[in-house]
């Protein structure tokens, strides 16, 4: 299916947010995610379904000031 990950169109076979992150080799423990503009708590990544056309944003914490 075609989704958008951080503003870039891509194809994926993943069906959950956790599966997508693993497929993209993104460390789940150190990112925050939004699905279609809604923040998703880390504990819900395994149950958060993605579908055709979803917009996923993955943010890594930044240090500094």
Foldseek 3Di string as FASTA:
>chain_A
DWEAEQNRIDDDPDFFQVSVCVVVVHDLVFKWKDKQRHTDPSVCRVVHTDDPHIYMYIGGDDDDD
